[in-house]
Amino acid sequence: MEAVAKLRNEPTSPRKMRLLVDLIRGMSVEKALAELEYNPKHPAVPLRKLLLSAINNWKQKNEGEDESRLFVKTIMVDGGRVLKRMRPAPQGRGYRVRKRSNHVTLVVDTK
């Protein structure tokens, strides 16, 4: 029985989040938590919380079952909303700044 957790509108670019997501895809849950806990990249903190949330969702669905066989089945990063801002530039111009966000969907399952 699988469990899903979603993270919506996280203010990190999808490209930076995908670097971490590719590390933990297919890993066992214990290894993935350890990897995210000691990773210096800033999206590791919300991704670790999302993984803990997915584990708790699985526990609520499957009470009394062993969670040591859990692994990250699928994890996807999609682009979220983009906040458009202007930055002052020389000679009265303005440069566009695109502040990106992303949506992460995480599915855990037993082997």
C-alpha atoms as a PDB file:
ATOM      1  CA  MET A   1       0.000   0.000   0.000  1.00  0.00           C
ATOM      2  CA  GLU A   2       1.571   3.268  -1.054  1.00  0.00           C
ATOM      3  CA  ALA A   3       1.289   6.699   0.528  1.00  0.00           C
ATOM      4  CA  VAL A   4       1.605  10.128  -1.090  1.00  0.00           C
ATOM      5  CA  ALA A   5       2.799  13.499   0.211  1.00  0.00           C
ATOM      6  CA  LYS A   6       2.887  16.768  -1.738  1.00  0.00           C
ATOM      7  CA  LEU A   7       4.831  19.978  -1.266  1.00  0.00           C
ATOM      8  CA  ARG A   8       3.300  22.932  -3.067  1.00  0.00           C
ATOM      9  CA  ASN A   9       4.856  26.313  -3.987  1.00  0.00           C
ATOM     10  CA  GLU A  10       8.246  25.760  -2.361  1.00  0.00           C
ATOM     11  CA  PRO A  11      10.285  28.913  -3.150  1.00  0.00           C
ATOM     12  CA  THR A  12      13.251  27.111  -4.719  1.00  0.00           C
ATOM     13  CA  SER A  13      13.923  26.724  -8.415  1.00  0.00           C
ATOM     14  CA  PRO A  14      12.915  23.330  -9.786  1.00  0.00           C
ATOM     15  CA  ARG A  15      16.424  22.749 -11.134  1.00  0.00           C
ATOM     16  CA  LYS A  16      17.990  23.015  -7.672  1.00  0.00           C
ATOM     17  CA  MET A  17      15.348  20.753  -6.154  1.00  0.00           C
ATOM     18  CA  ARG A  18      15.821  18.121  -8.873  1.00  0.00           C
ATOM     19  CA  LEU A  19      19.502  17.775  -7.925  1.00  0.00           C
ATOM     20  CA  LEU A  20      18.450  16.475  -4.498  1.00  0.00           C
ATOM     21  CA  VAL A  21      15.478  14.498  -5.739  1.00  0.00           C
ATOM     22  CA  ASP A  22      17.697  12.513  -8.115  1.00  0.00           C
ATOM     23  CA  LEU A  23      19.861  11.502  -5.132  1.00  0.00           C
ATOM     24  CA  ILE A  24      17.059   9.882  -3.139  1.00  0.00           C
ATOM     25  CA  ARG A  25      14.887   8.372  -5.886  1.00  0.00           C
ATOM     26  CA  GLY A  26      14.590   4.602  -5.338  1.00  0.00           C
ATOM     27  CA  MET A  27      16.428   4.639  -1.988  1.00  0.00           C
ATOM     28  CA  SER A  28      15.205   3.050   1.190  1.00  0.00           C
ATOM     29  CA  VAL A  29      13.571   5.549   3.520  1.00  0.00           C
ATOM     30  CA  GLU A  30      16.256   5.320   6.231  1.00  0.00           C
ATOM     31  CA  LYS A  31      19.075   5.985   3.755  1.00  0.00           C
ATOM     32  CA  ALA A  32      17.160   8.852   2.138  1.00  0.00           C
ATOM     33  CA  LEU A  33      16.539  10.534   5.527  1.00  0.00           C
ATOM     34  CA  ALA A  34      20.226  10.235   6.425  1.00  0.00           C
ATOM     35  CA  GLU A  35      21.247  11.618   3.029  1.00  0.00           C
ATOM     36  CA  LEU A  36      18.952  14.638   3.384  1.00  0.00           C
ATOM     37  CA  GLU A  37      19.869  15.323   7.008  1.00  0.00           C
ATOM     38  CA  TYR A  38      23.555  15.870   6.225  1.00  0.00           C
ATOM     39  CA  ASN A  39      23.223  17.431   2.785  1.00  0.00           C
ATOM     40  CA  PRO A  40      24.366  21.087   2.752  1.00  0.00           C
ATOM     41  CA  LYS A  41      21.971  22.228  -0.008  1.00  0.00           C
ATOM     42  CA  HIS A  42      19.126  24.420   1.248  1.00  0.00           C
ATOM     43  CA  PRO A  43      16.221  22.459  -0.322  1.00  0.00           C
ATOM     44  CA  ALA A  44      17.228  19.415   1.773  1.00  0.00           C
ATOM     45  CA  VAL A  45      15.291  20.660   4.829  1.00  0.00           C
ATOM     46  CA  PRO A  46      11.801  20.901   3.234  1.00  0.00           C
ATOM     47  CA  LEU A  47      12.437  17.699   1.270  1.00  0.00           C
ATOM     48  CA  ARG A  48      13.281  15.843   4.487  1.00  0.00           C
ATOM     49  CA  LYS A  49      10.076  17.134   6.109  1.00  0.00           C
ATOM     50  CA  LEU A  50       8.111  15.975   3.066  1.00  0.00           C
ATOM     51  CA  LEU A  51       9.635  12.494   3.322  1.00  0.00           C
ATOM     52  CA  LEU A  52       8.744  12.324   7.029  1.00  0.00           C
ATOM     53  CA  SER A  53       5.201  13.363   6.142  1.00  0.00           C
ATOM     54  CA  ALA A  54       4.935  10.601   3.543  1.00  0.00           C
ATOM     55  CA  ILE A  55       6.178   8.063   6.106  1.00  0.00           C
ATOM     56  CA  ASN A  56       3.550   9.222   8.615  1.00  0.00           C
ATOM     57  CA  ASN A  57       0.841   9.024   5.925  1.00  0.00           C
ATOM     58  CA  TRP A  58       1.909   5.441   5.227  1.00  0.00           C
ATOM     59  CA  LYS A  59       1.809   4.610   8.957  1.00  0.00           C
ATOM     60  CA  GLN A  60      -1.758   5.901   9.220  1.00  0.00           C
ATOM     61  CA  LYS A  61      -2.863   3.754   6.288  1.00  0.00           C
ATOM     62  CA  ASN A  62      -1.004   0.619   7.427  1.00  0.00           C
ATOM     63  CA  GLU A  63      -1.153   0.409  11.202  1.00  0.00           C
ATOM     64  CA  GLY A  64       0.906  -2.380  12.733  1.00  0.00           C
ATOM     65  CA  GLU A  65       3.007  -3.080   9.629  1.00  0.00           C
ATOM     66  CA  ASP A  66       6.797  -2.957   9.470  1.00  0.00           C
ATOM     67  CA  GLU A  67       8.147   0.305   8.071  1.00  0.00           C
ATOM     68  CA  SER A  68      11.721  -0.915   7.573  1.00  0.00           C
ATOM     69  CA  ARG A  69      10.847  -2.128   4.051  1.00  0.00           C
ATOM     70  CA  LEU A  70       9.701   1.329   2.875  1.00  0.00           C
ATOM     71  CA  PHE A  71      11.405   2.959  -0.101  1.00  0.00           C
ATOM     72  CA  VAL A  72      10.920   6.067  -2.233  1.00  0.00           C
ATOM     73  CA  LYS A  73       8.858   4.731  -5.131  1.00  0.00           C
ATOM     74  CA  THR A  74       8.397   7.882  -7.192  1.00  0.00           C
ATOM     75  CA  ILE A  75       9.326  11.498  -6.655  1.00  0.00           C
ATOM     76  CA  MET A  76       8.609  14.270  -9.142  1.00  0.00           C
ATOM     77  CA  VAL A  77       9.435  17.966  -9.270  1.00  0.00           C
ATOM     78  CA  ASP A  78       7.219  20.237 -11.347  1.00  0.00           C
ATOM     79  CA  GLY A  79       7.477  23.972 -11.852  1.00  0.00           C
ATOM     80  CA  GLY A  80       5.232  26.122  -9.692  1.00  0.00           C
ATOM     81  CA  ARG A  81       4.239  29.731  -9.974  1.00  0.00           C
ATOM     82  CA  VAL A  82       6.813  32.320 -11.074  1.00  0.00           C
ATOM     83  CA  LEU A  83       6.901  35.695  -9.338  1.00  0.00           C
ATOM     84  CA  LYS A  84       8.048  38.366 -11.774  1.00  0.00           C
ATOM     85  CA  ARG A  85      10.026  41.276 -10.351  1.00  0.00           C
ATOM     86  CA  MET A  86      11.995  44.163 -11.838  1.00  0.00           C
ATOM     87  CA  ARG A  87      15.563  45.057 -10.915  1.00  0.00           C
ATOM     88  CA  PRO A  88      16.980  48.503 -11.712  1.00  0.00           C
ATOM     89  CA  ALA A  89      19.440  48.524 -14.581  1.00  0.00           C
ATOM     90  CA  PRO A  90      21.654  51.206 -16.162  1.00  0.00           C
ATOM     91  CA  GLN A  91      20.252  54.014 -18.317  1.00  0.00           C
ATOM     92  CA  GLY A  92      16.723  53.817 -16.947  1.00  0.00           C
ATOM     93  CA  ARG A  93      16.130  50.255 -17.988  1.00  0.00           C
ATOM     94  CA  GLY A  94      14.876  47.395 -15.853  1.00  0.00           C
ATOM     95  CA  TYR A  95      15.934  43.758 -15.833  1.00  0.00           C
ATOM     96  CA  ARG A  96      13.363  41.033 -15.234  1.00  0.00           C
ATOM     97  CA  VAL A  97      13.909  38.748 -12.241  1.00  0.00           C
ATOM     98  CA  ARG A  98      11.942  35.489 -12.294  1.00  0.00           C
ATOM     99  CA  LYS A  99      11.556  34.049  -8.797  1.00  0.00           C
ATOM    100  CA  ARG A 100      10.685  30.421  -9.401  1.00  0.00           C
ATOM    101  CA  SER A 101       8.937  27.912  -7.187  1.00  0.00           C
ATOM    102  CA  ASN A 102       8.180  24.225  -7.488  1.00  0.00           C
ATOM    103  CA  HIS A 103       5.783  21.427  -6.569  1.00  0.00           C
ATOM    104  CA  VAL A 104       7.148  18.100  -5.287  1.00  0.00           C
ATOM    105  CA  THR A 105       5.127  14.861  -5.232  1.00  0.00           C
ATOM    106  CA  LEU A 106       6.554  11.957  -3.225  1.00  0.00           C
ATOM    107  CA  VAL A 107       5.253   8.361  -3.127  1.00  0.00           C
ATOM    108  CA  VAL A 108       6.557   5.744  -0.686  1.00  0.00           C
ATOM    109  CA  ASP A 109       5.784   2.031  -0.863  1.00  0.00           C
ATOM    110  CA  THR A 110       6.981  -1.278   0.553  1.00  0.00           C
ATOM    111  CA  LYS A 111       9.246  -3.638  -1.359  1.00  0.00           C
END
